[in-house]
Amino acid sequence: MEAYILIQTELGRAPEVVAKARSVEGITSADAVVGSYDVIARMKLRNPDEAARAVATILAIDGVGRALTCPVEGQWHPEGRRHSAGGHTAGATRGARRPAPCRISPFGREPVHAEP
């Protein structure tokens, strides 16, 4: 499973968050960016449970406000179903909506589907 993690940090904390995020198991890269999010990290893990643990570890870093997980097209869906590069879940009818991105709540640290 590959995914991007878009991270919002407290003001001025992005460089520190980048350094700590790069040390999290499964994170292949992390960079500070300009825009709505302050850090973008990329992760590559074997299954959704490992991905959830990696994101929970990132949320525990001092200075992290929230994180949005964006699975790469054609990778594993958070519920274990594989979806095609077109974004439809296996067996879905033509014209079906793409799976919603998953975000991790900083309160319960459980995956929940973001509002469309």
PDB file of N, CA and C in Angstrom:
ATOM      1  N   MET A   1       0.853  -1.176   0.000  1.00  0.00           N
ATOM      2  CA  MET A   1       0.000   0.000   0.000  1.00  0.00           C
ATOM      3  C   MET A   1       0.891   1.229   0.000  1.00  0.00           C
ATOM      4  N   GLU A   2       0.594   2.138  -0.889  1.00  0.00           N
ATOM      5  CA  GLU A   2       1.293   3.420  -0.917  1.00  0.00           C
ATOM      6  C   GLU A   2       0.267   4.523  -0.707  1.00  0.00           C
ATOM      7  N   ALA A   3       0.656   5.552   0.006  1.00  0.00           N
ATOM      8  CA  ALA A   3      -0.245   6.671   0.252  1.00  0.00           C
ATOM      9  C   ALA A   3       0.577   7.915   0.554  1.00  0.00           C
ATOM     10  N   TYR A   4      -0.040   9.057   0.317  1.00  0.00           N
ATOM     11  CA  TYR A   4       0.526  10.336   0.730  1.00  0.00           C
ATOM     12  C   TYR A   4      -0.183  10.739   2.012  1.00  0.00           C
ATOM     13  N   ILE A   5       0.549  11.356   2.898  1.00  0.00           N
ATOM     14  CA  ILE A   5      -0.032  11.883   4.129  1.00  0.00           C
ATOM     15  C   ILE A   5       0.180  13.386   4.102  1.00  0.00           C
ATOM     16  N   LEU A   6      -0.906  14.125   4.086  1.00  0.00           N
ATOM     17  CA  LEU A   6      -0.848  15.588   4.094  1.00  0.00           C
ATOM     18  C   LEU A   6      -0.975  16.030   5.547  1.00  0.00           C
ATOM     19  N   ILE A   7      -0.009  16.781   6.025  1.00  0.00           N
ATOM     20  CA  ILE A   7       0.099  17.093   7.449  1.00  0.00           C
ATOM     21  C   ILE A   7       0.051  18.597   7.676  1.00  0.00           C
ATOM     22  N   GLN A   8      -0.807  19.013   8.604  1.00  0.00           N
ATOM     23  CA  GLN A   8      -0.835  20.401   9.047  1.00  0.00           C
ATOM     24  C   GLN A   8      -0.089  20.476  10.369  1.00  0.00           C
ATOM     25  N   THR A   9       0.795  21.467  10.484  1.00  0.00           N
ATOM     26  CA  THR A   9       1.602  21.607  11.698  1.00  0.00           C
ATOM     27  C   THR A   9       1.336  22.955  12.358  1.00  0.00           C
ATOM     28  N   GLU A  10       1.804  23.067  13.583  1.00  0.00           N
ATOM     29  CA  GLU A  10       1.784  24.365  14.253  1.00  0.00           C
ATOM     30  C   GLU A  10       2.779  25.276  13.534  1.00  0.00           C
ATOM     31  N   LEU A  11       2.563  26.555  13.613  1.00  0.00           N
ATOM     32  CA  LEU A  11       3.401  27.542  12.936  1.00  0.00           C
ATOM     33  C   LEU A  11       4.874  27.347  13.279  1.00  0.00           C
ATOM     34  N   GLY A  12       5.707  27.209  12.236  1.00  0.00           N
ATOM     35  CA  GLY A  12       7.145  27.094  12.406  1.00  0.00           C
ATOM     36  C   GLY A  12       7.651  25.713  12.783  1.00  0.00           C
ATOM     37  N   ARG A  13       6.763  24.720  12.879  1.00  0.00           N
ATOM     38  CA  ARG A  13       7.175  23.384  13.322  1.00  0.00           C
ATOM     39  C   ARG A  13       7.414  22.411  12.166  1.00  0.00           C
ATOM     40  N   ALA A  14       7.191  22.830  10.914  1.00  0.00           N
ATOM     41  CA  ALA A  14       7.314  21.919   9.771  1.00  0.00           C
ATOM     42  C   ALA A  14       8.690  21.252   9.672  1.00  0.00           C
ATOM     43  N   PRO A  15       9.812  21.977   9.805  1.00  0.00           N
ATOM     44  CA  PRO A  15      11.110  21.308   9.681  1.00  0.00           C
ATOM     45  C   PRO A  15      11.315  20.197  10.720  1.00  0.00           C
ATOM     46  N   GLU A  16      10.869  20.439  11.929  1.00  0.00           N
ATOM     47  CA  GLU A  16      10.983  19.445  12.996  1.00  0.00           C
ATOM     48  C   GLU A  16      10.099  18.226  12.689  1.00  0.00           C
ATOM     49  N   VAL A  17       8.879  18.472  12.211  1.00  0.00           N
ATOM     50  CA  VAL A  17       7.956  17.387  11.872  1.00  0.00           C
ATOM     51  C   VAL A  17       8.516  16.563  10.711  1.00  0.00           C
ATOM     52  N   VAL A  18       9.108  17.225   9.709  1.00  0.00           N
ATOM     53  CA  VAL A  18       9.709  16.507   8.572  1.00  0.00           C
ATOM     54  C   VAL A  18      10.781  15.554   9.082  1.00  0.00           C
ATOM     55  N   ALA A  19      11.666  16.037   9.938  1.00  0.00           N
ATOM     56  CA  ALA A  19      12.759  15.206  10.445  1.00  0.00           C
ATOM     57  C   ALA A  19      12.232  13.991  11.199  1.00  0.00           C
ATOM     58  N   LYS A  20      11.237  14.196  12.036  1.00  0.00           N
ATOM     59  CA  LYS A  20      10.685  13.084  12.817  1.00  0.00           C
ATOM     60  C   LYS A  20       9.859  12.140  11.941  1.00  0.00           C
ATOM     61  N   ALA A  21       9.123  12.676  10.970  1.00  0.00           N
ATOM     62  CA  ALA A  21       8.308  11.831  10.092  1.00  0.00           C
ATOM     63  C   ALA A  21       9.186  10.907   9.262  1.00  0.00           C
ATOM     64  N   ARG A  22      10.341  11.389   8.838  1.00  0.00           N
ATOM     65  CA  ARG A  22      11.254  10.565   8.033  1.00  0.00           C
ATOM     66  C   ARG A  22      11.763   9.350   8.804  1.00  0.00           C
ATOM     67  N   SER A  23      11.730   9.407  10.130  1.00  0.00           N
ATOM     68  CA  SER A  23      12.208   8.283  10.934  1.00  0.00           C
ATOM     69  C   SER A  23      11.110   7.264  11.251  1.00  0.00           C
ATOM     70  N   VAL A  24       9.865   7.547  10.862  1.00  0.00           N
ATOM     71  CA  VAL A  24       8.755   6.624  11.117  1.00  0.00           C
ATOM     72  C   VAL A  24       8.846   5.440  10.151  1.00  0.00           C
ATOM     73  N   GLU A  25       8.684   4.237  10.681  1.00  0.00           N
ATOM     74  CA  GLU A  25       8.752   3.034   9.847  1.00  0.00           C
ATOM     75  C   GLU A  25       7.699   3.095   8.741  1.00  0.00           C
ATOM     76  N   GLY A  26       8.120   2.850   7.506  1.00  0.00           N
ATOM     77  CA  GLY A  26       7.212   2.852   6.363  1.00  0.00           C
ATOM     78  C   GLY A  26       7.167   4.162   5.602  1.00  0.00           C
ATOM     79  N   ILE A  27       7.668   5.239   6.199  1.00  0.00           N
ATOM     80  CA  ILE A  27       7.682   6.536   5.506  1.00  0.00           C
ATOM     81  C   ILE A  27       8.902   6.551   4.585  1.00  0.00           C
ATOM     82  N   THR A  28       8.651   6.732   3.283  1.00  0.00           N
ATOM     83  CA  THR A  28       9.740   6.720   2.307  1.00  0.00           C
ATOM     84  C   THR A  28      10.273   8.119   2.017  1.00  0.00           C
ATOM     85  N   SER A  29       9.456   9.138   2.244  1.00  0.00           N
ATOM     86  CA  SER A  29       9.920  10.516   2.065  1.00  0.00           C
ATOM     87  C   SER A  29       8.996  11.460   2.824  1.00  0.00           C
ATOM     88  N   ALA A  30       9.510  12.618   3.172  1.00  0.00           N
ATOM     89  CA  ALA A  30       8.722  13.672   3.822  1.00  0.00           C
ATOM     90  C   ALA A  30       9.377  14.998   3.477  1.00  0.00           C
ATOM     91  N   ASP A  31       8.549  15.957   3.090  1.00  0.00           N
ATOM     92  CA  ASP A  31       9.061  17.270   2.707  1.00  0.00           C
ATOM     93  C   ASP A  31       8.126  18.367   3.188  1.00  0.00           C
ATOM     94  N   ALA A  32       8.696  19.514   3.545  1.00  0.00           N
ATOM     95  CA  ALA A  32       7.912  20.700   3.879  1.00  0.00           C
ATOM     96  C   ALA A  32       7.429  21.322   2.571  1.00  0.00           C
ATOM     97  N   VAL A  33       6.191  21.785   2.556  1.00  0.00           N
ATOM     98  CA  VAL A  33       5.605  22.398   1.366  1.00  0.00           C
ATOM     99  C   VAL A  33       4.879  23.682   1.758  1.00  0.00           C
ATOM    100  N   VAL A  34       4.490  24.450   0.762  1.00  0.00           N
ATOM    101  CA  VAL A  34       3.730  25.679   0.979  1.00  0.00           C
ATOM    102  C   VAL A  34       2.315  25.441   0.477  1.00  0.00           C
ATOM    103  N   GLY A  35       1.327  25.835   1.264  1.00  0.00           N
ATOM    104  CA  GLY A  35      -0.064  25.658   0.859  1.00  0.00           C
ATOM    105  C   GLY A  35      -0.935  25.324   2.055  1.00  0.00           C
ATOM    106  N   SER A  36      -2.028  24.611   1.797  1.00  0.00           N
ATOM    107  CA  SER A  36      -2.968  24.260   2.858  1.00  0.00           C
ATOM    108  C   SER A  36      -2.367  23.309   3.881  1.00  0.00           C
ATOM    109  N   TYR A  37      -1.388  22.519   3.451  1.00  0.00           N
ATOM    110  CA  TYR A  37      -0.693  21.595   4.342  1.00  0.00           C
ATOM    111  C   TYR A  37       0.760  22.022   4.421  1.00  0.00           C
ATOM    112  N   ASP A  38       1.416  21.655   5.511  1.00  0.00           N
ATOM    113  CA  ASP A  38       2.789  22.085   5.749  1.00  0.00           C
ATOM    114  C   ASP A  38       3.831  21.025   5.405  1.00  0.00           C
ATOM    115  N   VAL A  39       3.420  19.750   5.482  1.00  0.00           N
ATOM    116  CA  VAL A  39       4.323  18.634   5.213  1.00  0.00           C
ATOM    117  C   VAL A  39       3.568  17.600   4.386  1.00  0.00           C
ATOM    118  N   ILE A  40       4.250  17.027   3.403  1.00  0.00           N
ATOM    119  CA  ILE A  40       3.694  15.893   2.664  1.00  0.00           C
ATOM    120  C   ILE A  40       4.671  14.739   2.818  1.00  0.00           C
ATOM    121  N   ALA A  41       4.145  13.616   3.320  1.00  0.00           N
ATOM    122  CA  ALA A  41       4.962  12.413   3.483  1.00  0.00           C
ATOM    123  C   ALA A  41       4.400  11.327   2.578  1.00  0.00           C
ATOM    124  N   ARG A  42       5.260  10.437   2.126  1.00  0.00           N
ATOM    125  CA  ARG A  42       4.818   9.288   1.334  1.00  0.00           C
ATOM    126  C   ARG A  42       5.173   8.031   2.109  1.00  0.00           C
ATOM    127  N   MET A  43       4.222   7.105   2.167  1.00  0.00           N
ATOM    128  CA  MET A  43       4.489   5.860   2.868  1.00  0.00           C
ATOM    129  C   MET A  43       4.242   4.672   1.958  1.00  0.00           C
ATOM    130  N   LYS A  44       4.964   3.606   2.233  1.00  0.00           N
ATOM    131  CA  LYS A  44       4.795   2.349   1.505  1.00  0.00           C
ATOM    132  C   LYS A  44       4.816   1.234   2.544  1.00  0.00           C
ATOM    133  N   LEU A  45       3.672   0.575   2.716  1.00  0.00           N
ATOM    134  CA  LEU A  45       3.531  -0.472   3.719  1.00  0.00           C
ATOM    135  C   LEU A  45       2.791  -1.658   3.137  1.00  0.00           C
ATOM    136  N   ARG A  46       2.824  -2.778   3.857  1.00  0.00           N
ATOM    137  CA  ARG A  46       2.229  -4.012   3.349  1.00  0.00           C
ATOM    138  C   ARG A  46       0.719  -4.074   3.486  1.00  0.00           C
ATOM    139  N   ASN A  47       0.140  -3.421   4.493  1.00  0.00           N
ATOM    140  CA  ASN A  47      -1.310  -3.544   4.698  1.00  0.00           C
ATOM    141  C   ASN A  47      -1.864  -2.301   5.388  1.00  0.00           C
ATOM    142  N   PRO A  48      -3.184  -2.148   5.376  1.00  0.00           N
ATOM    143  CA  PRO A  48      -3.807  -0.960   5.976  1.00  0.00           C
ATOM    144  C   PRO A  48      -3.549  -0.809   7.474  1.00  0.00           C
ATOM    145  N   ASP A  49      -3.384  -1.922   8.201  1.00  0.00           N
ATOM    146  CA  ASP A  49      -3.113  -1.815   9.633  1.00  0.00           C
ATOM    147  C   ASP A  49      -1.770  -1.140   9.897  1.00  0.00           C
ATOM    148  N   GLU A  50      -0.755  -1.505   9.119  1.00  0.00           N
ATOM    149  CA  GLU A  50       0.554  -0.862   9.255  1.00  0.00           C
ATOM    150  C   GLU A  50       0.459   0.618   8.897  1.00  0.00           C
ATOM    151  N   ALA A  51      -0.339   0.924   7.885  1.00  0.00           N
ATOM    152  CA  ALA A  51      -0.519   2.323   7.484  1.00  0.00           C
ATOM    153  C   ALA A  51      -1.179   3.115   8.607  1.00  0.00           C
ATOM    154  N   ALA A  52      -2.192   2.542   9.239  1.00  0.00           N
ATOM    155  CA  ALA A  52      -2.875   3.231  10.342  1.00  0.00           C
ATOM    156  C   ALA A  52      -1.916   3.487  11.500  1.00  0.00           C
ATOM    157  N   ARG A  53      -1.045   2.516  11.794  1.00  0.00           N
ATOM    158  CA  ARG A  53      -0.054   2.704  12.864  1.00  0.00           C
ATOM    159  C   ARG A  53       0.937   3.805  12.507  1.00  0.00           C
ATOM    160  N   ALA A  54       1.364   3.856  11.241  1.00  0.00           N
ATOM    161  CA  ALA A  54       2.311   4.891  10.815  1.00  0.00           C
ATOM    162  C   ALA A  54       1.683   6.276  10.951  1.00  0.00           C
ATOM    163  N   VAL A  55       0.424   6.401  10.536  1.00  0.00           N
ATOM    164  CA  VAL A  55      -0.254   7.697  10.633  1.00  0.00           C
ATOM    165  C   VAL A  55      -0.463   8.073  12.094  1.00  0.00           C
ATOM    166  N   ALA A  56      -0.815   7.108  12.935  1.00  0.00           N
ATOM    167  CA  ALA A  56      -0.981   7.391  14.369  1.00  0.00           C
ATOM    168  C   ALA A  56       0.340   7.875  14.972  1.00  0.00           C
ATOM    169  N   THR A  57       1.451   7.305  14.535  1.00  0.00           N
ATOM    170  CA  THR A  57       2.767   7.733  15.019  1.00  0.00           C
ATOM    171  C   THR A  57       3.045   9.168  14.589  1.00  0.00           C
ATOM    172  N   ILE A  58       2.689   9.494  13.355  1.00  0.00           N
ATOM    173  CA  ILE A  58       2.880  10.868  12.871  1.00  0.00           C
ATOM    174  C   ILE A  58       2.012  11.838  13.655  1.00  0.00           C
ATOM    175  N   LEU A  59       0.771  11.452  13.942  1.00  0.00           N
ATOM    176  CA  LEU A  59      -0.118  12.328  14.715  1.00  0.00           C
ATOM    177  C   LEU A  59       0.403  12.563  16.131  1.00  0.00           C
ATOM    178  N   ALA A  60       1.207  11.643  16.645  1.00  0.00           N
ATOM    179  CA  ALA A  60       1.751  11.781  17.997  1.00  0.00           C
ATOM    180  C   ALA A  60       2.982  12.702  18.044  1.00  0.00           C
ATOM    181  N   ILE A  61       3.501  13.095  16.882  1.00  0.00           N
ATOM    182  CA  ILE A  61       4.660  13.994  16.842  1.00  0.00           C
ATOM    183  C   ILE A  61       4.241  15.376  17.345  1.00  0.00           C
ATOM    184  N   ASP A  62       5.022  15.943  18.257  1.00  0.00           N
ATOM    185  CA  ASP A  62       4.733  17.295  18.757  1.00  0.00           C
ATOM    186  C   ASP A  62       4.714  18.275  17.591  1.00  0.00           C
ATOM    187  N   GLY A  63       3.674  19.104  17.537  1.00  0.00           N
ATOM    188  CA  GLY A  63       3.565  20.107  16.488  1.00  0.00           C
ATOM    189  C   GLY A  63       2.629  19.714  15.365  1.00  0.00           C
ATOM    190  N   VAL A  64       2.196  18.454  15.312  1.00  0.00           N
ATOM    191  CA  VAL A  64       1.261  18.013  14.270  1.00  0.00           C
ATOM    192  C   VAL A  64      -0.162  18.329  14.719  1.00  0.00           C
ATOM    193  N   GLY A  65      -0.905  19.019  13.850  1.00  0.00           N
ATOM    194  CA  GLY A  65      -2.294  19.347  14.154  1.00  0.00           C
ATOM    195  C   GLY A  65      -3.260  18.293  13.636  1.00  0.00           C
ATOM    196  N   ARG A  66      -3.160  17.989  12.356  1.00  0.00           N
ATOM    197  CA  ARG A  66      -4.016  16.963  11.759  1.00  0.00           C
ATOM    198  C   ARG A  66      -3.327  16.402  10.531  1.00  0.00           C
ATOM    199  N   ALA A  67      -3.842  15.255  10.073  1.00  0.00           N
ATOM    200  CA  ALA A  67      -3.256  14.598   8.909  1.00  0.00           C
ATOM    201  C   ALA A  67      -4.361  13.998   8.053  1.00  0.00           C
ATOM    202  N   LEU A  68      -4.171  14.060   6.761  1.00  0.00           N
ATOM    203  CA  LEU A  68      -5.110  13.497   5.795  1.00  0.00           C
ATOM    204  C   LEU A  68      -4.359  12.451   4.988  1.00  0.00           C
ATOM    205  N   THR A  69      -4.873  11.223   4.966  1.00  0.00           N
ATOM    206  CA  THR A  69      -4.224  10.133   4.237  1.00  0.00           C
ATOM    207  C   THR A  69      -4.869   9.985   2.871  1.00  0.00           C
ATOM    208  N   CYS A  70      -4.060   9.967   1.819  1.00  0.00           N
ATOM    209  CA  CYS A  70      -4.544   9.851   0.446  1.00  0.00           C
ATOM    210  C   CYS A  70      -3.910   8.619  -0.202  1.00  0.00           C
ATOM    211  N   PRO A  71      -4.639   7.475  -0.240  1.00  0.00           N
ATOM    212  CA  PRO A  71      -4.083   6.274  -0.873  1.00  0.00           C
ATOM    213  C   PRO A  71      -3.822   6.509  -2.358  1.00  0.00           C
ATOM    214  N   VAL A  72      -2.743   5.928  -2.863  1.00  0.00           N
ATOM    215  CA  VAL A  72      -2.402   6.030  -4.277  1.00  0.00           C
ATOM    216  C   VAL A  72      -3.360   5.139  -5.068  1.00  0.00           C
ATOM    217  N   GLU A  73      -3.839   5.641  -6.209  1.00  0.00           N
ATOM    218  CA  GLU A  73      -4.742   4.870  -7.063  1.00  0.00           C
ATOM    219  C   GLU A  73      -4.159   3.502  -7.371  1.00  0.00           C
ATOM    220  N   GLY A  74      -5.011   2.481  -7.378  1.00  0.00           N
ATOM    221  CA  GLY A  74      -4.581   1.137  -7.700  1.00  0.00           C
ATOM    222  C   GLY A  74      -3.983   0.401  -6.515  1.00  0.00           C
ATOM    223  N   GLN A  75      -4.004   1.008  -5.341  1.00  0.00           N
ATOM    224  CA  GLN A  75      -3.469   0.377  -4.136  1.00  0.00           C
ATOM    225  C   GLN A  75      -4.611  -0.181  -3.301  1.00  0.00           C
ATOM    226  N   TRP A  76      -4.291  -0.673  -2.124  1.00  0.00           N
ATOM    227  CA  TRP A  76      -5.312  -1.268  -1.257  1.00  0.00           C
ATOM    228  C   TRP A  76      -6.194  -0.212  -0.638  1.00  0.00           C
ATOM    229  N   HIS A  77      -7.483  -0.481  -0.654  1.00  0.00           N
ATOM    230  CA  HIS A  77      -8.491   0.365  -0.021  1.00  0.00           C
ATOM    231  C   HIS A  77      -8.418   0.112   1.480  1.00  0.00           C
ATOM    232  N   PRO A  78      -8.722   1.103   2.340  1.00  0.00           N
ATOM    233  CA  PRO A  78      -8.623   0.906   3.789  1.00  0.00           C
ATOM    234  C   PRO A  78      -9.423  -0.286   4.314  1.00  0.00           C
ATOM    235  N   GLU A  79     -10.459  -0.707   3.613  1.00  0.00           N
ATOM    236  CA  GLU A  79     -11.271  -1.841   4.066  1.00  0.00           C
ATOM    237  C   GLU A  79     -10.785  -3.152   3.462  1.00  0.00           C
ATOM    238  N   GLY A  80      -9.636  -3.133   2.778  1.00  0.00           N
ATOM    239  CA  GLY A  80      -9.054  -4.354   2.266  1.00  0.00           C
ATOM    240  C   GLY A  80      -9.448  -4.705   0.843  1.00  0.00           C
ATOM    241  N   ARG A  81     -10.337  -3.936   0.222  1.00  0.00           N
ATOM    242  CA  ARG A  81     -10.732  -4.208  -1.159  1.00  0.00           C
ATOM    243  C   ARG A  81      -9.761  -3.523  -2.091  1.00  0.00           C
ATOM    244  N   ARG A  82      -9.420  -4.187  -3.162  1.00  0.00           N
ATOM    245  CA  ARG A  82      -8.517  -3.588  -4.143  1.00  0.00           C
ATOM    246  C   ARG A  82      -9.358  -2.782  -5.117  1.00  0.00           C
ATOM    247  N   HIS A  83      -8.908  -1.586  -5.469  1.00  0.00           N
ATOM    248  CA  HIS A  83      -9.628  -0.816  -6.482  1.00  0.00           C
ATOM    249  C   HIS A  83      -8.708  -0.547  -7.654  1.00  0.00           C
ATOM    250  N   SER A  84      -9.313  -0.387  -8.810  1.00  0.00           N
ATOM    251  CA  SER A  84      -8.554  -0.244 -10.048  1.00  0.00           C
ATOM    252  C   SER A  84      -7.973   1.155 -10.174  1.00  0.00           C
ATOM    253  N   ALA A  85      -7.135   1.323 -11.187  1.00  0.00           N
ATOM    254  CA  ALA A  85      -6.535   2.637 -11.429  1.00  0.00           C
ATOM    255  C   ALA A  85      -7.589   3.675 -11.760  1.00  0.00           C
ATOM    256  N   GLY A  86      -8.760   3.231 -12.202  1.00  0.00           N
ATOM    257  CA  GLY A  86      -9.853   4.158 -12.488  1.00  0.00           C
ATOM    258  C   GLY A  86     -10.537   4.652 -11.237  1.00  0.00           C
ATOM    259  N   GLY A  87     -10.215   4.052 -10.104  1.00  0.00           N
ATOM    260  CA  GLY A  87     -10.755   4.534  -8.845  1.00  0.00           C
ATOM    261  C   GLY A  87     -12.006   3.808  -8.389  1.00  0.00           C
ATOM    262  N   HIS A  88     -12.509   2.844  -9.146  1.00  0.00           N
ATOM    263  CA  HIS A  88     -13.713   2.128  -8.743  1.00  0.00           C
ATOM    264  C   HIS A  88     -13.324   0.895  -7.952  1.00  0.00           C
ATOM    265  N   THR A  89     -14.144   0.541  -6.973  1.00  0.00           N
ATOM    266  CA  THR A  89     -13.852  -0.661  -6.211  1.00  0.00           C
ATOM    267  C   THR A  89     -14.144  -1.875  -7.072  1.00  0.00           C
ATOM    268  N   ALA A  90     -13.494  -2.985  -6.782  1.00  0.00           N
ATOM    269  CA  ALA A  90     -13.695  -4.208  -7.556  1.00  0.00           C
ATOM    270  C   ALA A  90     -15.160  -4.591  -7.536  1.00  0.00           C
ATOM    271  N   GLY A  91     -15.702  -4.887  -8.696  1.00  0.00           N
ATOM    272  CA  GLY A  91     -17.101  -5.290  -8.801  1.00  0.00           C
ATOM    273  C   GLY A  91     -18.076  -4.131  -8.845  1.00  0.00           C
ATOM    274  N   ALA A  92     -17.595  -2.912  -8.753  1.00  0.00           N
ATOM    275  CA  ALA A  92     -18.503  -1.757  -8.784  1.00  0.00           C
ATOM    276  C   ALA A  92     -19.019  -1.548 -10.196  1.00  0.00           C
ATOM    277  N   THR A  93     -20.188  -0.967 -10.303  1.00  0.00           N
ATOM    278  CA  THR A  93     -20.766  -0.703 -11.612  1.00  0.00           C
ATOM    279  C   THR A  93     -20.125   0.534 -12.215  1.00  0.00           C
ATOM    280  N   ARG A  94     -20.191   0.624 -13.532  1.00  0.00           N
ATOM    281  CA  ARG A  94     -19.625   1.772 -14.223  1.00  0.00           C
ATOM    282  C   ARG A  94     -20.301   3.046 -13.727  1.00  0.00           C
ATOM    283  N   GLY A  95     -19.526   4.064 -13.495  1.00  0.00           N
ATOM    284  CA  GLY A  95     -20.053   5.343 -13.027  1.00  0.00           C
ATOM    285  C   GLY A  95     -20.142   5.441 -11.511  1.00  0.00           C
ATOM    286  N   ALA A  96     -19.723   4.388 -10.800  1.00  0.00           N
ATOM    287  CA  ALA A  96     -19.768   4.426  -9.339  1.00  0.00           C
ATOM    288  C   ALA A  96     -18.774   5.467  -8.835  1.00  0.00           C
ATOM    289  N   ARG A  97     -19.050   6.025  -7.674  1.00  0.00           N
ATOM    290  CA  ARG A  97     -18.152   7.022  -7.097  1.00  0.00           C
ATOM    291  C   ARG A  97     -16.879   6.367  -6.592  1.00  0.00           C
ATOM    292  N   ARG A  98     -15.799   7.120  -6.646  1.00  0.00           N
ATOM    293  CA  ARG A  98     -14.519   6.643  -6.126  1.00  0.00           C
ATOM    294  C   ARG A  98     -14.609   6.536  -4.617  1.00  0.00           C
ATOM    295  N   PRO A  99     -13.797   5.645  -4.014  1.00  0.00           N
ATOM    296  CA  PRO A  99     -13.772   5.579  -2.555  1.00  0.00           C
ATOM    297  C   PRO A  99     -13.310   6.914  -1.985  1.00  0.00           C
ATOM    298  N   ALA A 100     -13.931   7.327  -0.897  1.00  0.00           N
ATOM    299  CA  ALA A 100     -13.564   8.590  -0.269  1.00  0.00           C
ATOM    300  C   ALA A 100     -12.175   8.469   0.344  1.00  0.00           C
ATOM    301  N   PRO A 101     -11.403   9.571   0.348  1.00  0.00           N
ATOM    302  CA  PRO A 101     -10.102   9.498   1.027  1.00  0.00           C
ATOM    303  C   PRO A 101     -10.326   9.251   2.508  1.00  0.00           C
ATOM    304  N   CYS A 102      -9.342   8.724   3.134  1.00  0.00           N
ATOM    305  CA  CYS A 102      -9.454   8.389   4.543  1.00  0.00           C
ATOM    306  C   CYS A 102      -8.682   9.422   5.350  1.00  0.00           C
ATOM    307  N   ARG A 103      -9.236   9.897   6.426  1.00  0.00           N
ATOM    308  CA  ARG A 103      -8.488  10.796   7.303  1.00  0.00           C
ATOM    309  C   ARG A 103      -8.433  10.163   8.676  1.00  0.00           C
ATOM    310  N   ILE A 104      -7.445  10.522   9.426  1.00  0.00           N
ATOM    311  CA  ILE A 104      -7.265   9.975  10.761  1.00  0.00           C
ATOM    312  C   ILE A 104      -7.637  11.070  11.752  1.00  0.00           C
ATOM    313  N   SER A 105      -8.587  10.772  12.610  1.00  0.00           N
ATOM    314  CA  SER A 105      -9.020  11.732  13.607  1.00  0.00           C
ATOM    315  C   SER A 105      -7.975  11.829  14.714  1.00  0.00           C
ATOM    316  N   PRO A 106      -7.551  13.031  15.079  1.00  0.00           N
ATOM    317  CA  PRO A 106      -6.573  13.139  16.156  1.00  0.00           C
ATOM    318  C   PRO A 106      -7.178  12.789  17.510  1.00  0.00           C
ATOM    319  N   PHE A 107      -8.512  12.679  17.573  1.00  0.00           N
ATOM    320  CA  PHE A 107      -9.159  12.371  18.839  1.00  0.00           C
ATOM    321  C   PHE A 107      -9.148  10.873  19.109  1.00  0.00           C
ATOM    322  N   GLY A 108      -9.652  10.078  18.158  1.00  0.00           N
ATOM    323  CA  GLY A 108      -9.711   8.648  18.370  1.00  0.00           C
ATOM    324  C   GLY A 108      -8.651   7.889  17.607  1.00  0.00           C
ATOM    325  N   ARG A 109      -7.950   8.584  16.686  1.00  0.00           N
ATOM    326  CA  ARG A 109      -6.922   7.964  15.858  1.00  0.00           C
ATOM    327  C   ARG A 109      -7.428   6.722  15.153  1.00  0.00           C
ATOM    328  N   GLU A 110      -8.686   6.763  14.743  1.00  0.00           N
ATOM    329  CA  GLU A 110      -9.287   5.676  13.985  1.00  0.00           C
ATOM    330  C   GLU A 110      -9.609   6.198  12.588  1.00  0.00           C
ATOM    331  N   PRO A 111      -9.405   5.370  11.565  1.00  0.00           N
ATOM    332  CA  PRO A 111      -9.740   5.826  10.211  1.00  0.00           C
ATOM    333  C   PRO A 111     -11.231   6.104  10.088  1.00  0.00           C
ATOM    334  N   VAL A 112     -11.571   7.220   9.525  1.00  0.00           N
ATOM    335  CA  VAL A 112     -12.956   7.563   9.231  1.00  0.00           C
ATOM    336  C   VAL A 112     -12.990   8.133   7.839  1.00  0.00           C
ATOM    337  N   HIS A 113     -14.074   7.924   7.122  1.00  0.00           N
ATOM    338  CA  HIS A 113     -14.159   8.456   5.778  1.00  0.00           C
ATOM    339  C   HIS A 113     -14.476   9.943   5.833  1.00  0.00           C
ATOM    340  N   ALA A 114     -13.731  10.711   5.068  1.00  0.00           N
ATOM    341  CA  ALA A 114     -13.932  12.145   4.984  1.00  0.00           C
ATOM    342  C   ALA A 114     -15.229  12.430   4.251  1.00  0.00           C
ATOM    343  N   GLU A 115     -15.826  13.555   4.549  1.00  0.00           N
ATOM    344  CA  GLU A 115     -17.028  13.961   3.844  1.00  0.00           C
ATOM    345  C   GLU A 115     -16.700  14.256   2.401  1.00  0.00           C
ATOM    346  N   PRO A 116     -17.563  13.828   1.449  1.00  0.00           N
ATOM    347  CA  PRO A 116     -17.267  14.095   0.022  1.00  0.00           C
ATOM    348  C   PRO A 116     -17.329  15.564  -0.300  1.00  0.00           C
TER     349      PRO A 116
END
